[in-house]
Protein backbone atom coordinates (compact mmCIF):
# COMPACT_ATOMS: atom_id res chain seq x y z
CA MET A 1 34.96 -23.51 23.80
CA GLU A 2 38.02 -25.02 25.49
CA SER A 3 39.80 -26.84 22.65
CA PHE A 4 42.03 -23.84 21.97
CA ARG A 5 43.91 -24.45 25.23
CA ASN A 6 45.74 -27.42 23.73
CA ALA A 7 47.28 -25.13 21.11
CA LEU A 8 48.51 -22.53 23.61
CA PRO A 9 51.52 -22.61 25.93
CA PRO A 10 50.57 -22.67 29.60
CA ALA A 11 50.22 -19.38 31.41
CA GLN A 12 52.69 -18.52 34.13
CA ALA A 13 51.78 -20.00 37.50
CA ARG A 14 50.21 -17.53 39.90
CA ARG A 15 50.52 -17.51 43.65
CA LYS A 16 47.82 -19.65 45.22
CA ALA A 17 45.77 -18.25 48.05
CA ARG A 18 47.48 -18.79 51.37
CA VAL A 19 44.93 -19.76 54.00
CA GLY A 20 45.81 -19.51 57.67
CA LEU A 21 43.82 -22.01 59.72
CA VAL A 22 43.50 -22.06 63.48
CA ALA A 23 41.08 -24.01 65.67
CA GLY A 24 40.46 -23.31 69.30
CA GLY A 25 38.47 -23.56 72.48
CA LEU A 26 38.75 -22.39 76.07
CA GLY A 27 41.32 -24.45 77.95
CA THR A 28 39.48 -24.01 81.24
CA TYR A 29 37.13 -26.75 80.09
CA TRP A 30 39.69 -29.50 79.50
CA PRO A 31 40.30 -30.59 83.13
CA GLN A 32 36.58 -30.47 83.84
CA PHE A 33 35.47 -32.50 80.82
CA PRO A 34 38.22 -34.98 79.82
CA ASP A 35 36.40 -36.25 76.72
CA LEU A 36 35.79 -32.79 75.27
CA LEU A 37 39.24 -31.82 73.93
CA PRO A 38 39.81 -35.09 72.01
CA GLN A 39 36.42 -34.64 70.35
CA LEU A 40 37.15 -31.03 69.39
CA GLU A 41 40.61 -31.91 68.09
CA GLN A 42 39.02 -34.60 65.93
CA SER A 43 36.63 -31.99 64.52
CA ALA A 44 39.59 -29.66 63.90
CA GLN A 45 41.41 -32.43 62.03
CA PHE A 46 38.34 -33.02 59.87
CA VAL A 47 38.14 -29.32 59.02
CA ALA A 48 41.86 -29.16 58.24
CA GLU A 49 41.54 -32.09 55.83
CA ARG A 50 38.63 -30.42 54.07
CA PHE A 51 40.63 -27.22 53.65
CA ARG A 52 43.52 -29.12 52.13
CA GLU A 53 41.15 -30.22 49.37
CA PHE A 54 40.86 -26.62 48.20
CA ASP A 55 43.27 -25.29 45.57
CA ALA A 56 45.13 -23.26 48.17
CA ASP A 57 48.19 -23.38 50.39
CA VAL A 58 46.99 -24.06 53.94
CA VAL A 59 49.02 -22.89 56.93
CA ASP A 60 47.54 -24.90 59.79
CA VAL A 61 48.76 -23.71 63.20
CA GLY A 62 46.76 -26.30 65.08
CA PHE A 63 44.62 -25.94 68.20
CA ILE A 64 44.84 -23.08 70.68
CA SER A 65 43.53 -23.19 74.25
CA ASP A 66 44.53 -19.86 75.79
CA ALA A 67 45.88 -16.39 74.97
CA ARG A 68 49.50 -17.59 74.99
CA ASP A 69 48.70 -20.19 72.37
CA GLY A 70 46.96 -17.47 70.37
CA ASP A 71 50.01 -15.24 70.60
CA LYS A 72 52.28 -17.99 69.22
CA ALA A 73 49.82 -18.76 66.43
CA ALA A 74 49.63 -15.07 65.56
CA GLU A 75 53.37 -14.88 65.02
CA VAL A 76 53.39 -17.92 62.73
CA LEU A 77 50.50 -16.55 60.68
CA ARG A 78 52.03 -13.09 60.50
CA ARG A 79 55.17 -14.53 58.94
CA ALA A 80 53.13 -16.71 56.59
CA ASP A 81 51.66 -13.66 54.80
CA CYS A 82 48.20 -15.22 54.49
CA ASP A 83 45.45 -13.99 52.18
CA ILE A 84 42.72 -15.04 54.62
CA ILE A 85 42.66 -16.32 58.20
CA VAL A 86 40.06 -18.93 59.13
CA LEU A 87 39.16 -19.23 62.80
CA PHE A 88 37.38 -22.49 63.58
CA LEU A 89 35.43 -22.07 66.81
CA THR A 90 35.05 -25.60 68.15
CA THR A 91 33.46 -24.35 71.37
CA TYR A 92 33.43 -21.11 73.31
CA LEU A 93 36.69 -19.16 73.46
CA THR A 94 37.51 -15.64 74.54
CA ALA A 95 38.27 -12.81 72.15
CA SER A 96 41.66 -12.32 73.80
CA MET A 97 42.75 -15.69 72.40
CA VAL A 98 42.30 -14.67 68.77
CA MET A 99 42.70 -10.89 68.84
CA PRO A 100 46.51 -11.07 68.30
CA ILE A 101 45.91 -13.28 65.25
CA ALA A 102 43.36 -10.87 63.80
CA LYS A 103 45.47 -7.75 64.33
CA ARG A 104 48.90 -9.05 63.31
CA SER A 105 47.98 -11.10 60.27
CA ASN A 106 46.89 -8.12 58.13
CA ALA A 107 44.36 -10.39 56.44
CA PRO A 108 40.57 -10.69 56.36
CA ILE A 109 39.11 -13.06 58.93
CA LEU A 110 36.60 -15.82 58.28
CA VAL A 111 35.01 -17.15 61.45
CA ILE A 112 33.50 -20.62 61.07
CA ASP A 113 31.49 -22.42 63.73
CA LEU A 114 30.63 -25.92 62.59
CA GLN A 115 28.97 -28.03 65.26
CA PRO A 116 29.29 -31.83 65.11
CA THR A 117 25.78 -32.62 63.81
CA GLU A 118 22.53 -30.91 62.84
CA LYS A 119 21.30 -30.72 66.44
CA MET A 120 22.05 -31.75 70.00
CA ASP A 121 20.40 -34.72 71.63
CA HIS A 122 19.06 -32.84 74.65
CA ALA A 123 17.74 -35.97 76.34
CA THR A 124 21.17 -37.62 76.64
CA PHE A 125 23.77 -34.80 76.53
CA ASP A 126 25.73 -33.75 79.57
CA THR A 127 27.57 -30.44 79.91
CA GLY A 128 30.71 -31.68 78.19
CA ALA A 129 28.80 -32.94 75.15
CA TRP A 130 26.83 -29.69 75.07
CA LEU A 131 30.01 -27.62 74.95
CA ALA A 132 30.98 -29.27 71.65
CA TYR A 133 27.98 -27.48 70.13
CA CYS A 134 28.81 -24.03 71.56
CA GLY A 135 31.07 -22.57 68.88
CA GLN A 136 28.35 -20.07 68.00
CA CYS A 137 28.57 -18.66 71.51
CA SER A 138 31.74 -16.72 70.66
CA VAL A 139 30.56 -15.24 67.37
CA PRO A 140 28.84 -12.13 68.81
CA GLU A 141 31.77 -11.50 71.14
CA LEU A 142 34.32 -11.75 68.34
CA GLY A 143 32.15 -9.67 66.03
CA ASN A 144 31.91 -6.89 68.60
CA VAL A 145 35.66 -6.84 69.25
CA PHE A 146 36.68 -7.15 65.60
CA ARG A 147 34.43 -4.25 64.57
CA ARG A 148 35.81 -2.07 67.33
CA ALA A 149 39.35 -3.00 66.26
CA GLY A 150 38.71 -2.35 62.57
CA VAL A 151 39.28 -5.99 61.58
CA PRO A 152 37.32 -7.09 58.46
CA PHE A 153 35.57 -10.41 59.05
CA ARG A 154 32.72 -12.65 57.94
CA SER A 155 31.24 -15.78 59.48
CA VAL A 156 29.77 -19.10 58.38
CA SER A 157 27.64 -21.18 60.75
CA GLY A 158 26.65 -24.78 60.18
CA TRP A 159 27.57 -28.35 61.00
CA LEU A 160 30.64 -30.35 60.04
CA ASN A 161 29.20 -32.21 57.07
CA GLN A 162 26.75 -29.57 55.89
CA PRO A 163 27.21 -29.11 52.11
CA SER A 164 25.77 -25.58 52.04
CA ALA A 165 28.16 -24.43 54.77
CA TRP A 166 31.13 -25.77 52.84
CA ARG A 167 29.90 -24.11 49.66
CA ARG A 168 29.88 -20.77 51.47
CA ILE A 169 33.35 -21.45 52.86
CA GLU A 170 34.58 -22.30 49.36
CA GLN A 171 33.27 -18.96 48.10
CA TRP A 172 35.41 -17.18 50.66
CA ILE A 173 38.42 -19.24 49.63
CA ASN A 174 37.75 -18.16 46.04
CA ALA A 175 37.69 -14.56 47.26
CA ALA A 176 41.05 -15.19 48.89
CA GLN A 177 42.35 -16.46 45.53
CA VAL A 178 41.37 -13.12 44.02
CA ARG A 179 43.08 -11.25 46.85
CA ALA A 180 46.24 -13.32 46.34
CA ALA A 181 46.26 -12.59 42.63
CA LEU A 182 45.71 -8.86 43.06
CA ARG A 183 48.21 -8.45 45.89
CA TYR A 184 51.04 -9.80 43.74
CA ALA A 185 49.84 -8.86 40.26
CA ARG A 186 51.94 -6.89 37.82
CA HIS A 187 49.67 -4.84 35.56
CA GLY A 188 51.14 -3.47 32.34
CA LEU A 189 49.91 -0.07 31.12
CA MET A 190 51.19 0.80 27.66
CA GLY A 191 50.55 3.90 25.58
CA HIS A 192 48.10 6.61 26.60
CA VAL A 193 44.47 7.27 27.49
CA TYR A 194 41.94 7.07 24.66
CA PRO A 195 41.25 10.76 23.87
CA GLY A 196 37.98 11.99 25.31
CA MET A 197 37.26 8.97 27.51
CA LEU A 198 37.27 10.77 30.83
CA ASP A 199 36.15 7.73 32.81
CA VAL A 200 39.07 5.62 31.63
CA SER A 201 41.75 7.71 33.33
CA THR A 202 42.86 5.69 36.36
CA ASP A 203 44.84 6.77 39.39
CA MET A 204 47.70 4.28 39.28
CA THR A 205 48.38 4.83 42.98
CA LEU A 206 45.02 3.28 43.89
CA LEU A 207 46.00 -0.22 42.76
CA PRO A 208 49.10 -0.61 44.95
CA ALA A 209 47.42 1.32 47.77
CA THR A 210 44.31 -0.86 47.69
CA PHE A 211 45.60 -4.29 46.70
CA GLY A 212 49.39 -4.15 46.70
CA SER A 213 49.56 -4.61 42.91
CA HIS A 214 52.35 -3.16 40.79
CA VAL A 215 51.66 -1.05 37.69
CA GLU A 216 54.42 -1.26 35.08
CA VAL A 217 54.29 1.79 32.82
CA LEU A 218 55.38 0.77 29.31
CA GLU A 219 56.12 2.57 26.08
CA PHE A 220 55.09 1.23 22.69
CA ASP A 221 58.82 1.31 21.98
CA ASP A 222 59.15 -1.54 24.50
CA LEU A 223 56.97 -3.53 22.14
CA ARG A 224 58.54 -2.11 18.97
CA VAL A 225 62.03 -3.44 19.68
CA ARG A 226 60.68 -6.90 20.51
CA VAL A 227 58.52 -7.07 17.39
CA ALA A 228 61.51 -6.03 15.29
CA ALA A 229 63.45 -9.02 16.60
CA VAL A 230 60.79 -11.57 15.56
CA THR A 231 61.89 -13.83 12.71
CA ASP A 232 59.84 -14.92 9.71
CA ALA A 233 59.98 -18.49 10.98
CA GLU A 234 58.46 -17.43 14.28
CA VAL A 235 55.74 -15.54 12.41
CA ALA A 236 54.94 -18.60 10.31
CA GLU A 237 54.70 -20.70 13.44
CA ARG A 238 52.34 -18.20 15.05
CA MET A 239 50.16 -18.05 11.94
CA ALA A 240 49.91 -21.83 11.96
CA GLN A 241 48.94 -21.74 15.60
CA ALA A 242 46.28 -19.13 14.87
CA ARG A 243 44.84 -21.26 12.08
CA GLU A 244 44.63 -24.16 14.51
CA ILE A 245 42.69 -22.05 17.00
CA PHE A 246 40.58 -19.81 14.74
CA ALA A 247 38.44 -20.21 11.70
CA VAL A 248 40.19 -17.72 9.41
CA ASP A 249 37.61 -15.72 7.47
CA SER A 250 38.12 -14.87 3.79
CA THR A 251 38.17 -11.16 4.72
CA VAL A 252 41.59 -11.56 6.39
CA ASP A 253 44.34 -9.99 4.33
CA GLU A 254 47.47 -12.16 4.35
CA ASP A 255 49.82 -9.21 4.94
CA ASP A 256 47.71 -8.05 7.86
CA PHE A 257 47.67 -11.61 9.22
CA PHE A 258 51.46 -11.76 8.96
CA TRP A 259 51.80 -8.45 10.80
CA GLY A 260 49.35 -9.44 13.54
CA ALA A 261 51.23 -12.69 14.07
CA LYS A 262 54.54 -10.84 14.31
CA VAL A 263 53.13 -8.41 16.87
CA SER A 264 51.70 -11.38 18.76
CA VAL A 265 55.13 -12.99 19.17
CA GLY A 266 56.56 -9.64 20.29
CA LEU A 267 53.72 -9.26 22.80
CA ASP A 268 54.52 -12.62 24.33
CA ARG A 269 58.11 -11.51 24.84
CA LEU A 270 57.00 -8.22 26.35
CA VAL A 271 54.77 -10.03 28.83
CA ASP A 272 57.50 -12.51 29.73
CA ASP A 273 60.24 -9.90 30.06
CA PHE A 274 58.20 -7.72 32.41
CA GLY A 275 56.46 -10.59 34.21
CA LEU A 276 53.00 -9.17 33.48
CA ASP A 277 49.73 -10.61 34.74
CA SER A 278 47.64 -8.22 32.64
CA LEU A 279 48.12 -5.52 30.01
CA ALA A 280 46.04 -2.50 29.00
CA TYR A 281 47.14 -0.50 25.97
CA TYR A 282 46.23 2.19 23.48
CA HIS A 283 48.08 4.31 20.93
CA ARG A 284 46.45 6.66 18.47
CA GLY A 285 49.30 7.41 16.10
CA LEU A 286 49.18 9.27 12.78
CA ASP A 287 49.28 8.41 9.09
CA GLY A 288 50.26 4.78 9.45
CA GLU A 289 53.53 5.38 11.28
CA GLN A 290 55.07 2.41 13.07
CA HIS A 291 53.58 2.96 16.52
CA GLU A 292 50.09 3.23 15.07
CA ARG A 293 50.65 0.00 13.14
CA LEU A 294 51.76 -1.69 16.36
CA GLY A 295 48.63 -0.54 18.15
CA ALA A 296 46.48 -1.65 15.24
CA GLY A 297 48.12 -5.08 15.11
CA MET A 298 47.47 -6.04 18.72
CA ILE A 299 44.17 -7.88 18.50
CA LEU A 300 45.40 -11.36 17.56
CA GLY A 301 48.18 -11.40 20.15
CA ALA A 302 46.00 -9.81 22.81
CA SER A 303 43.31 -12.45 22.30
CA LEU A 304 45.86 -15.27 22.55
CA LEU A 305 47.33 -13.82 25.74
CA THR A 306 43.86 -13.42 27.22
CA ALA A 307 43.15 -17.06 26.39
CA ARG A 308 46.29 -18.00 28.33
CA GLY A 309 44.95 -16.21 31.40
CA ILE A 310 46.80 -12.93 30.87
CA PRO A 311 44.04 -10.38 30.17
CA THR A 312 45.11 -7.94 27.45
CA THR A 313 42.75 -5.07 26.78
CA GLY A 314 42.55 -2.04 24.49
CA GLU A 315 41.61 1.57 25.12
CA PHE A 316 44.05 1.85 28.04
CA GLU A 317 41.36 0.18 30.16
CA LEU A 318 43.31 -0.74 33.28
CA ARG A 319 40.02 -1.13 35.15
CA THR A 320 38.88 -3.73 32.65
CA SER A 321 42.11 -5.70 32.61
CA VAL A 322 42.02 -5.86 36.42
CA ALA A 323 38.39 -7.01 36.33
CA GLN A 324 39.26 -9.62 33.71
CA LEU A 325 42.06 -10.90 35.93
CA VAL A 326 39.58 -11.29 38.78
CA THR A 327 37.14 -13.27 36.64
CA GLN A 328 40.03 -15.33 35.26
CA VAL A 329 41.18 -16.29 38.75
CA VAL A 330 37.73 -17.56 39.73
CA GLY A 331 37.50 -19.60 36.53
CA ALA A 332 35.00 -17.53 34.57
CA GLY A 333 37.06 -15.52 32.13
CA GLY A 334 35.77 -12.37 30.49
CA SER A 335 36.02 -10.32 27.31
CA PHE A 336 36.56 -6.63 26.79
CA CYS A 337 33.17 -5.54 25.48
CA GLU A 338 30.50 -2.87 25.65
CA ILE A 339 26.74 -2.65 25.30
CA GLN A 340 25.98 -2.29 21.60
CA ALA A 341 22.25 -2.71 21.06
CA LEU A 342 19.07 -3.75 22.82
CA ASN A 343 16.84 -6.42 21.34
CA PHE A 344 13.48 -5.66 22.94
CA GLU A 345 11.71 -8.42 21.01
CA ASP A 346 13.84 -11.24 22.45
CA ASP A 347 14.82 -9.47 25.71
CA VAL A 348 18.50 -9.66 24.77
CA VAL A 349 21.29 -7.18 25.44
CA GLU A 350 23.80 -7.44 22.62
CA MET A 351 27.39 -6.85 23.70
CA GLY A 352 30.70 -7.04 21.91
CA HIS A 353 33.73 -5.21 20.64
CA ASP A 354 36.12 -5.26 17.71
CA GLY A 355 39.09 -5.70 20.01
CA PRO A 356 40.58 -8.66 21.91
CA ALA A 357 38.20 -11.45 22.88
CA HIS A 358 38.35 -14.18 25.50
CA LEU A 359 38.20 -17.36 23.45
CA GLY A 360 37.03 -19.42 26.41
CA VAL A 361 33.64 -17.72 26.64
CA ALA A 362 32.68 -18.47 23.02
CA SER A 363 30.17 -21.24 22.41
CA ARG A 364 31.58 -22.05 18.98
CA GLU A 365 34.86 -21.87 17.12
CA PRO A 366 36.27 -18.32 17.27
CA THR A 367 36.73 -16.53 13.97
CA LEU A 368 39.51 -14.30 12.73
CA ARG A 369 38.09 -11.55 10.52
CA GLY A 370 39.49 -8.64 8.56
CA LEU A 371 38.12 -5.36 9.84
CA GLY A 372 38.96 -3.17 6.87
CA SER A 373 37.90 0.40 7.65
CA ILE A 374 37.43 1.10 11.35
CA THR A 375 35.28 3.84 12.79
CA ALA A 376 35.63 5.12 16.32
CA SER A 377 32.16 5.77 17.67
CA GLY A 378 31.77 6.05 21.40
CA GLY A 379 34.85 3.98 22.10
CA GLY A 380 33.96 1.24 19.60
CA ALA A 381 37.51 0.80 18.28
CA SER A 382 40.21 -0.62 20.49
CA ALA A 383 43.49 -1.27 18.73
CA SER A 384 43.09 1.38 16.09
CA ASN A 385 40.78 4.36 15.76
CA SER A 386 41.54 5.07 12.10
CA THR A 387 38.44 5.93 10.10
CA SER A 388 39.70 5.22 6.62
CA ASN A 389 43.06 3.46 6.47
CA THR A 390 42.56 -0.11 5.31
CA ASP A 391 46.20 -1.15 5.36
CA ARG A 392 46.40 -1.38 9.14
CA SER A 393 45.15 -3.88 11.45
CA GLN A 394 42.90 -5.88 10.41
CA CYS A 395 42.41 -9.04 12.16
CA SER A 396 39.51 -9.04 14.54
CA VAL A 397 38.44 -11.91 16.73
CA SER A 398 34.84 -12.95 16.93
CA GLY A 399 32.99 -15.65 18.73
CA ARG A 400 29.51 -16.03 20.12
CA THR A 401 28.16 -16.49 23.61
CA PRO A 402 24.48 -17.19 24.30
CA THR A 403 23.72 -13.52 24.79
CA ALA A 404 26.63 -11.64 23.25
CA ARG A 405 28.10 -11.13 19.83
CA CYS A 406 31.80 -10.32 19.71
CA ARG A 407 32.47 -9.06 16.23
């Protein structure tokens, strides 16, 4: 279900993964085997071109032949602030050549050894040709040294045109995209913890300590003042946009729709003003006062933001909004949901929620429904936990995936 994207403004551009790339081999070989270095440099150029095809910014420092070259490359990569460093072992090299890169870059290391073809031709190869197939020789040495130095690393072995090797490399580049997003993400946290949900309480220090992310603590008043500034014309425009994206169910009350659209416009301004990449929120409120109405009117706007790639989640679920950001970065998307029932006859786990949905994971046109009375059972309500008030919220988003009902 991707047609909704045409009706939404584009999400803010995120920092692409920055991939540091360095190829190398032991310079002692070059005078002995004159044809070896040109062959290895050609392989390095091939690898560099393949990396430039990824959706990433590649910092290619070229070919290193000794520890001095490695030291210079380390300084360039340190300044580049890479999300992953890829070491292409074209032949044997010593750990001293790449150790400065690994220690100074402050980034995970991916070691790749891609020999020229599937196998050597033992009957015709001389020593120089054999050395072009010896990238694997350094892997145990580097692994030993990196582990002793506390440097996180992984490795991929294969040959230059091996599709499965490049698929594994691409997976690590995708992981670097996630790291890039989390290192620079600004996570909004608005309101307070859902009462009684002990597992939801999150140590905000862990995010910047682990990933480098920033957590922006927000008040519902930050939203209130922005919603108050929304004009009727802007509300009408947002309602028209919603009708273009959703099938509007007959249960939707027009006043509730108007309010949800107004909150949606205010939410967009909140996200823009604070430069947020995600938002988790919750506010209980009492007796229909304004802050409760704001919390209860979030679902439409939160779903539209999530569809734009800015996960917006109820119940103060910072963990979930971070997880949604991760799945968004790798192109999967994800909805805030919970296990609701087990269908033992069809072997189906039914999942869903009455809160914000990710429109991109629905297999059919998403539907805007009126919730009416909401009950809070085991965390089942997100924007509002009122058990009887029918004049609040009441636009829910529903869609259907092959194994989940979001309604």
